[in-house]
C-alpha cells in the first residue's frame, strides 16, 4: 500500500493538478493569519471548511489524472478496485494531513506560540475529519462514476454545500459551528470523527461496487 500511495502522489505531483487548490488554501492561510490575535478554534473553523473543499478537489483531480486505459492498467497491477480506491483515499488524506499540520503550525507561529496544545490537537483532528468528509463526498462525483466534468462539478458543489451547511445532518456543520464558537467538546469531536470515518468507508465501498458492476 505504501508503494501505491507513493505512485499516486507521484501522479498527482507530475500532473500539477494539486496546484490550484493548494495555492488557494495557502493564500487563505496567509490572509487569515496575517493578524492572528484571537483564539485558535474560530480560525480553524474557516480553514477546516476550506480543507474539506480542497480534499474533495484533490480527490477528483487524482481520480481523473488517469484515463480509462491507464486506470485499467493500474487496477490490474494493484489487484482490485477496492485496493485502488483505498490507495486514492489514503493519498489524499496524506496531502490533507500535511496541510492540517501546516495550518496549525502557521497559526501557532503567527500567534507568538500563544495557543494551548489542546487547541492545536483539536485543530488537527478537525481538519482531518473535514478532509475525510470532503473525500467521501468527492468519490461518487469523480470520473469513476460521473463521466462528464460539468456534471461532476455540479454534483460535487451540491454535496459539498449540504455537507458544510446542513444544520440537521450530523456532517461537518456541527463541528464547524462548535469551532466557530470556540467550543469543541469531546462528544462532538468523537461523533464527527466516527461519522466521517463511516461515511468515507461507505463511499469507498459503494463506489468500488459501482466500478466493478460497470466493469
C-alpha atoms as a PDB file:
ATOM      1  CA  UNK A   1       0.000   0.000   0.000  1.00  0.00           C
ATOM      2  CA  UNK A   2       2.912   2.368   0.677  1.00  0.00           C
ATOM      3  CA  UNK A   3       4.164   1.834  -2.867  1.00  0.00           C
ATOM      4  CA  UNK A   4       0.686   2.561  -4.216  1.00  0.00           C
ATOM      5  CA  UNK A   5       0.463   5.784  -2.204  1.00  0.00           C
ATOM      6  CA  UNK A   6       3.873   6.880  -3.457  1.00  0.00           C
ATOM      7  CA  UNK A   7       2.792   6.147  -7.014  1.00  0.00           C
ATOM      8  CA  UNK A   8      -0.425   8.115  -6.619  1.00  0.00           C
ATOM      9  CA  UNK A   9       1.439  11.023  -5.037  1.00  0.00           C
ATOM     10  CA  UNK A  10       3.861  10.990  -7.962  1.00  0.00           C
ATOM     11  CA  UNK A  11       0.946  11.021 -10.409  1.00  0.00           C
ATOM     12  CA  UNK A  12      -0.674  13.952  -8.658  1.00  0.00           C
ATOM     13  CA  UNK A  13       2.597  15.838  -8.426  1.00  0.00           C
ATOM     14  CA  UNK A  14       3.515  15.244 -12.055  1.00  0.00           C
ATOM     15  CA  UNK A  15       0.075  16.354 -13.256  1.00  0.00           C
ATOM     16  CA  UNK A  16       0.312  19.580 -11.187  1.00  0.00           C
ATOM     17  CA  UNK A  17      -3.448  19.400 -10.668  1.00  0.00           C
ATOM     18  CA  UNK A  18      -2.860  19.923  -6.969  1.00  0.00           C
ATOM     19  CA  UNK A  19      -1.560  23.453  -7.524  1.00  0.00           C
ATOM     20  CA  UNK A  20      -4.843  25.429  -7.796  1.00  0.00           C
ATOM     21  CA  UNK A  21      -6.498  24.124  -4.597  1.00  0.00           C
ATOM     22  CA  UNK A  22      -3.278  24.079  -2.574  1.00  0.00           C
ATOM     23  CA  UNK A  23      -2.231  27.579  -3.613  1.00  0.00           C
ATOM     24  CA  UNK A  24      -5.706  28.915  -2.864  1.00  0.00           C
ATOM     25  CA  UNK A  25      -5.599  27.264   0.538  1.00  0.00           C
ATOM     26  CA  UNK A  26      -2.170  28.699   1.334  1.00  0.00           C
ATOM     27  CA  UNK A  27      -3.427  32.105   0.226  1.00  0.00           C
ATOM     28  CA  UNK A  28      -6.321  31.754   2.663  1.00  0.00           C
ATOM     29  CA  UNK A  29      -3.866  30.926   5.458  1.00  0.00           C
ATOM     30  CA  UNK A  30      -1.767  33.975   4.641  1.00  0.00           C
ATOM     31  CA  UNK A  31      -4.784  36.278   4.804  1.00  0.00           C
ATOM     32  CA  UNK A  32      -6.361  34.651   7.841  1.00  0.00           C
ATOM     33  CA  UNK A  33      -3.202  34.606   9.941  1.00  0.00           C
ATOM     34  CA  UNK A  34      -1.846  37.997   8.946  1.00  0.00           C
ATOM     35  CA  UNK A  35      -3.276  39.296  12.235  1.00  0.00           C
ATOM     36  CA  UNK A  36      -3.908  36.298  14.469  1.00  0.00           C
ATOM     37  CA  UNK A  37      -4.539  37.860  17.851  1.00  0.00           C
ATOM     38  CA  UNK A  38      -7.700  35.909  18.665  1.00  0.00           C
ATOM     39  CA  UNK A  39      -8.333  32.336  19.783  1.00  0.00           C
ATOM     40  CA  UNK A  40      -7.357  29.467  17.526  1.00  0.00           C
ATOM     41  CA  UNK A  41     -10.591  27.490  17.208  1.00  0.00           C
ATOM     42  CA  UNK A  42     -12.683  30.075  15.297  1.00  0.00           C
ATOM     43  CA  UNK A  43      -9.950  30.408  12.682  1.00  0.00           C
ATOM     44  CA  UNK A  44      -9.772  26.615  12.461  1.00  0.00           C
ATOM     45  CA  UNK A  45     -13.466  26.569  11.583  1.00  0.00           C
ATOM     46  CA  UNK A  46     -12.660  28.582   8.458  1.00  0.00           C
ATOM     47  CA  UNK A  47      -9.596  26.584   7.446  1.00  0.00           C
ATOM     48  CA  UNK A  48     -11.220  23.213   8.201  1.00  0.00           C
ATOM     49  CA  UNK A  49     -14.153  24.114   5.952  1.00  0.00           C
ATOM     50  CA  UNK A  50     -11.692  25.189   3.262  1.00  0.00           C
ATOM     51  CA  UNK A  51      -9.724  21.959   3.648  1.00  0.00           C
ATOM     52  CA  UNK A  52     -12.930  19.975   3.152  1.00  0.00           C
ATOM     53  CA  UNK A  53     -13.307  21.600  -0.244  1.00  0.00           C
ATOM     54  CA  UNK A  54      -9.603  21.175  -1.035  1.00  0.00           C
ATOM     55  CA  UNK A  55      -9.722  17.461  -0.163  1.00  0.00           C
ATOM     56  CA  UNK A  56     -12.715  16.984  -2.444  1.00  0.00           C
ATOM     57  CA  UNK A  57     -10.933  18.873  -5.228  1.00  0.00           C
ATOM     58  CA  UNK A  58      -7.766  16.789  -4.819  1.00  0.00           C
ATOM     59  CA  UNK A  59      -9.788  13.561  -4.836  1.00  0.00           C
ATOM     60  CA  UNK A  60     -11.484  14.372  -8.126  1.00  0.00           C
ATOM     61  CA  UNK A  61      -8.197  15.603  -9.587  1.00  0.00           C
ATOM     62  CA  UNK A  62      -6.353  12.439  -8.552  1.00  0.00           C
ATOM     63  CA  UNK A  63      -9.041  10.111  -9.885  1.00  0.00           C
ATOM     64  CA  UNK A  64      -9.135  11.974 -13.191  1.00  0.00           C
ATOM     65  CA  UNK A  65      -5.354  12.004 -13.622  1.00  0.00           C
ATOM     66  CA  UNK A  66      -5.619   8.620 -15.338  1.00  0.00           C
ATOM     67  CA  UNK A  67      -7.689   7.938 -18.416  1.00  0.00           C
ATOM     68  CA  UNK A  68      -9.754   4.766 -18.692  1.00  0.00           C
ATOM     69  CA  UNK A  69      -6.927   2.718 -20.184  1.00  0.00           C
ATOM     70  CA  UNK A  70      -4.340   3.783 -17.610  1.00  0.00           C
ATOM     71  CA  UNK A  71      -6.845   3.236 -14.815  1.00  0.00           C
ATOM     72  CA  UNK A  72      -7.389  -0.316 -16.051  1.00  0.00           C
ATOM     73  CA  UNK A  73      -3.632  -0.926 -16.038  1.00  0.00           C
ATOM     74  CA  UNK A  74      -3.307   0.445 -12.507  1.00  0.00           C
ATOM     75  CA  UNK A  75      -6.219  -1.683 -11.364  1.00  0.00           C
ATOM     76  CA  UNK A  76      -4.582  -4.799 -12.846  1.00  0.00           C
ATOM     77  CA  UNK A  77      -1.277  -4.065 -11.070  1.00  0.00           C
ATOM     78  CA  UNK A  78      -2.957  -3.239  -7.762  1.00  0.00           C
ATOM     79  CA  UNK A  79      -5.168  -6.313  -7.828  1.00  0.00           C
ATOM     80  CA  UNK A  80      -8.619  -4.902  -7.094  1.00  0.00           C
ATOM     81  CA  UNK A  81     -10.767  -1.806  -7.364  1.00  0.00           C
ATOM     82  CA  UNK A  82     -11.124  -1.670  -3.598  1.00  0.00           C
ATOM     83  CA  UNK A  83      -7.356  -1.543  -3.113  1.00  0.00           C
ATOM     84  CA  UNK A  84      -7.013   1.115  -5.797  1.00  0.00           C
ATOM     85  CA  UNK A  85      -9.655   3.289  -4.142  1.00  0.00           C
ATOM     86  CA  UNK A  86      -8.161   2.839  -0.688  1.00  0.00           C
ATOM     87  CA  UNK A  87      -4.845   3.982  -2.126  1.00  0.00           C
ATOM     88  CA  UNK A  88      -6.516   7.070  -3.558  1.00  0.00           C
ATOM     89  CA  UNK A  89      -8.217   7.852  -0.238  1.00  0.00           C
ATOM     90  CA  UNK A  90      -5.003   7.446   1.752  1.00  0.00           C
ATOM     91  CA  UNK A  91      -3.078   9.576  -0.732  1.00  0.00           C
ATOM     92  CA  UNK A  92      -5.490  12.475  -0.369  1.00  0.00           C
ATOM     93  CA  UNK A  93      -5.542  12.026   3.412  1.00  0.00           C
ATOM     94  CA  UNK A  94      -1.742  12.309   3.406  1.00  0.00           C
ATOM     95  CA  UNK A  95      -1.978  15.563   1.462  1.00  0.00           C
ATOM     96  CA  UNK A  96      -4.716  16.870   3.756  1.00  0.00           C
ATOM     97  CA  UNK A  97      -2.765  15.828   6.836  1.00  0.00           C
ATOM     98  CA  UNK A  98       0.219  17.802   5.618  1.00  0.00           C
ATOM     99  CA  UNK A  99      -1.964  20.868   5.073  1.00  0.00           C
ATOM    100  CA  UNK A 100      -3.527  20.401   8.523  1.00  0.00           C
ATOM    101  CA  UNK A 101      -0.080  20.377  10.141  1.00  0.00           C
ATOM    102  CA  UNK A 102       0.870  23.467   8.129  1.00  0.00           C
ATOM    103  CA  UNK A 103      -2.314  25.202   9.284  1.00  0.00           C
ATOM    104  CA  UNK A 104      -1.830  24.581  12.991  1.00  0.00           C
ATOM    105  CA  UNK A 105       1.887  25.398  12.837  1.00  0.00           C
ATOM    106  CA  UNK A 106       1.205  28.626  10.942  1.00  0.00           C
ATOM    107  CA  UNK A 107      -1.459  29.721  13.421  1.00  0.00           C
ATOM    108  CA  UNK A 108       0.807  28.929  16.355  1.00  0.00           C
ATOM    109  CA  UNK A 109       3.766  30.840  14.945  1.00  0.00           C
ATOM    110  CA  UNK A 110       1.663  33.836  13.923  1.00  0.00           C
ATOM    111  CA  UNK A 111       0.139  33.994  17.412  1.00  0.00           C
ATOM    112  CA  UNK A 112       3.556  34.042  19.049  1.00  0.00           C
ATOM    113  CA  UNK A 113       3.076  30.486  20.333  1.00  0.00           C
ATOM    114  CA  UNK A 114       0.119  31.622  22.437  1.00  0.00           C
ATOM    115  CA  UNK A 115      -2.320  28.834  21.542  1.00  0.00           C
ATOM    116  CA  UNK A 116      -2.601  25.966  24.048  1.00  0.00           C
ATOM    117  CA  UNK A 117      -1.634  22.469  22.961  1.00  0.00           C
ATOM    118  CA  UNK A 118      -5.226  21.262  23.396  1.00  0.00           C
ATOM    119  CA  UNK A 119      -6.452  23.731  20.765  1.00  0.00           C
ATOM    120  CA  UNK A 120      -3.755  22.593  18.348  1.00  0.00           C
ATOM    121  CA  UNK A 121      -4.756  18.950  18.832  1.00  0.00           C
ATOM    122  CA  UNK A 122      -8.423  19.796  18.303  1.00  0.00           C
ATOM    123  CA  UNK A 123      -7.497  21.759  15.204  1.00  0.00           C
ATOM    124  CA  UNK A 124      -5.503  18.897  13.715  1.00  0.00           C
ATOM    125  CA  UNK A 125      -8.311  16.413  14.334  1.00  0.00           C
ATOM    126  CA  UNK A 126     -10.982  18.764  12.998  1.00  0.00           C
ATOM    127  CA  UNK A 127      -9.050  19.354   9.781  1.00  0.00           C
ATOM    128  CA  UNK A 128      -8.507  15.638   9.162  1.00  0.00           C
ATOM    129  CA  UNK A 129     -12.173  14.920   9.900  1.00  0.00           C
ATOM    130  CA  UNK A 130     -13.303  17.597   7.454  1.00  0.00           C
ATOM    131  CA  UNK A 131     -10.882  16.257   4.850  1.00  0.00           C
ATOM    132  CA  UNK A 132     -12.456  12.814   5.279  1.00  0.00           C
ATOM    133  CA  UNK A 133     -15.890  14.349   4.672  1.00  0.00           C
ATOM    134  CA  UNK A 134     -14.553  16.009   1.531  1.00  0.00           C
ATOM    135  CA  UNK A 135     -13.113  12.772   0.156  1.00  0.00           C
ATOM    136  CA  UNK A 136     -16.307  10.866   0.920  1.00  0.00           C
ATOM    137  CA  UNK A 137     -18.356  13.455  -0.966  1.00  0.00           C
ATOM    138  CA  UNK A 138     -15.978  13.627  -3.917  1.00  0.00           C
ATOM    139  CA  UNK A 139     -15.593   9.918  -4.692  1.00  0.00           C
ATOM    140  CA  UNK A 140     -19.122   9.408  -6.078  1.00  0.00           C
ATOM    141  CA  UNK A 141     -18.768  12.649  -8.040  1.00  0.00           C
ATOM    142  CA  UNK A 142     -15.448  11.678  -9.634  1.00  0.00           C
ATOM    143  CA  UNK A 143     -14.790  10.231 -13.059  1.00  0.00           C
ATOM    144  CA  UNK A 144     -15.240   6.737 -11.660  1.00  0.00           C
ATOM    145  CA  UNK A 145     -18.986   7.374 -11.511  1.00  0.00           C
ATOM    146  CA  UNK A 146     -19.719  10.614 -13.380  1.00  0.00           C
ATOM    147  CA  UNK A 147     -18.107  10.750 -16.800  1.00  0.00           C
ATOM    148  CA  UNK A 148     -18.711  14.416 -17.691  1.00  0.00           C
ATOM    149  CA  UNK A 149     -16.701  17.065 -15.851  1.00  0.00           C
ATOM    150  CA  UNK A 150     -19.614  19.512 -15.877  1.00  0.00           C
ATOM    151  CA  UNK A 151     -21.872  17.063 -14.073  1.00  0.00           C
ATOM    152  CA  UNK A 152     -19.014  16.282 -11.696  1.00  0.00           C
ATOM    153  CA  UNK A 153     -18.678  19.952 -10.780  1.00  0.00           C
ATOM    154  CA  UNK A 154     -22.425  20.381 -10.238  1.00  0.00           C
ATOM    155  CA  UNK A 155     -22.780  17.213  -8.163  1.00  0.00           C
ATOM    156  CA  UNK A 156     -19.709  17.986  -6.072  1.00  0.00           C
ATOM    157  CA  UNK A 157     -20.824  21.563  -5.415  1.00  0.00           C
ATOM    158  CA  UNK A 158     -24.275  20.408  -4.308  1.00  0.00           C
ATOM    159  CA  UNK A 159     -22.950  17.703  -1.980  1.00  0.00           C
ATOM    160  CA  UNK A 160     -20.291  19.993  -0.535  1.00  0.00           C
ATOM    161  CA  UNK A 161     -22.925  22.623   0.212  1.00  0.00           C
ATOM    162  CA  UNK A 162     -25.046  20.042   2.004  1.00  0.00           C
ATOM    163  CA  UNK A 163     -22.067  18.740   3.967  1.00  0.00           C
ATOM    164  CA  UNK A 164     -20.989  22.205   5.050  1.00  0.00           C
ATOM    165  CA  UNK A 165     -24.329  23.910   5.607  1.00  0.00           C
ATOM    166  CA  UNK A 166     -26.961  21.286   6.514  1.00  0.00           C
ATOM    167  CA  UNK A 167     -27.811  22.000  10.141  1.00  0.00           C
ATOM    168  CA  UNK A 168     -29.966  18.930  10.712  1.00  0.00           C
ATOM    169  CA  UNK A 169     -27.472  16.402   9.389  1.00  0.00           C
ATOM    170  CA  UNK A 170     -24.568  15.188  11.564  1.00  0.00           C
ATOM    171  CA  UNK A 171     -21.962  16.026   8.939  1.00  0.00           C
ATOM    172  CA  UNK A 172     -19.366  18.809   9.026  1.00  0.00           C
ATOM    173  CA  UNK A 173     -21.686  21.667  10.038  1.00  0.00           C
ATOM    174  CA  UNK A 174     -21.981  20.833  13.782  1.00  0.00           C
ATOM    175  CA  UNK A 175     -18.200  20.528  14.119  1.00  0.00           C
ATOM    176  CA  UNK A 176     -17.567  23.786  12.258  1.00  0.00           C
ATOM    177  CA  UNK A 177     -20.215  25.544  14.317  1.00  0.00           C
ATOM    178  CA  UNK A 178     -18.598  24.322  17.511  1.00  0.00           C
ATOM    179  CA  UNK A 179     -15.175  25.507  16.386  1.00  0.00           C
ATOM    180  CA  UNK A 180     -16.503  28.914  15.352  1.00  0.00           C
ATOM    181  CA  UNK A 181     -17.933  29.406  18.835  1.00  0.00           C
ATOM    182  CA  UNK A 182     -14.588  28.326  20.372  1.00  0.00           C
ATOM    183  CA  UNK A 183     -16.230  25.220  21.830  1.00  0.00           C
ATOM    184  CA  UNK A 184     -15.447  21.694  20.677  1.00  0.00           C
ATOM    185  CA  UNK A 185     -16.484  19.246  23.404  1.00  0.00           C
ATOM    186  CA  UNK A 186     -15.117  15.683  23.265  1.00  0.00           C
ATOM    187  CA  UNK A 187     -18.552  14.242  22.455  1.00  0.00           C
ATOM    188  CA  UNK A 188     -18.799  16.426  19.351  1.00  0.00           C
ATOM    189  CA  UNK A 189     -15.296  15.506  18.222  1.00  0.00           C
ATOM    190  CA  UNK A 190     -15.959  11.794  18.682  1.00  0.00           C
ATOM    191  CA  UNK A 191     -19.308  11.972  16.882  1.00  0.00           C
ATOM    192  CA  UNK A 192     -17.842  13.897  13.951  1.00  0.00           C
ATOM    193  CA  UNK A 193     -14.845  11.553  13.692  1.00  0.00           C
ATOM    194  CA  UNK A 194     -16.996   8.423  13.681  1.00  0.00           C
ATOM    195  CA  UNK A 195     -19.443   9.939  11.198  1.00  0.00           C
ATOM    196  CA  UNK A 196     -16.661  10.985   8.826  1.00  0.00           C
ATOM    197  CA  UNK A 197     -14.963   7.581   9.059  1.00  0.00           C
ATOM    198  CA  UNK A 198     -18.225   5.736   8.452  1.00  0.00           C
ATOM    199  CA  UNK A 199     -19.221   7.955   5.549  1.00  0.00           C
ATOM    200  CA  UNK A 200     -15.785   7.623   3.960  1.00  0.00           C
ATOM    201  CA  UNK A 201     -15.829   3.836   4.289  1.00  0.00           C
ATOM    202  CA  UNK A 202     -19.351   3.607   2.867  1.00  0.00           C
ATOM    203  CA  UNK A 203     -18.492   5.927  -0.034  1.00  0.00           C
ATOM    204  CA  UNK A 204     -15.381   3.886  -0.871  1.00  0.00           C
ATOM    205  CA  UNK A 205     -17.246   0.564  -0.794  1.00  0.00           C
ATOM    206  CA  UNK A 206     -20.195   1.835  -2.824  1.00  0.00           C
ATOM    207  CA  UNK A 207     -18.033   3.455  -5.497  1.00  0.00           C
ATOM    208  CA  UNK A 208     -15.897   0.316  -5.739  1.00  0.00           C
ATOM    209  CA  UNK A 209     -19.044  -1.785  -6.153  1.00  0.00           C
ATOM    210  CA  UNK A 210     -20.280   0.596  -8.872  1.00  0.00           C
ATOM    211  CA  UNK A 211     -16.982   0.358 -10.765  1.00  0.00           C
ATOM    212  CA  UNK A 212     -16.936  -3.446 -10.530  1.00  0.00           C
ATOM    213  CA  UNK A 213     -20.548  -3.679 -11.690  1.00  0.00           C
ATOM    214  CA  UNK A 214     -19.955  -1.332 -14.601  1.00  0.00           C
ATOM    215  CA  UNK A 215     -16.810  -3.251 -15.499  1.00  0.00           C
END
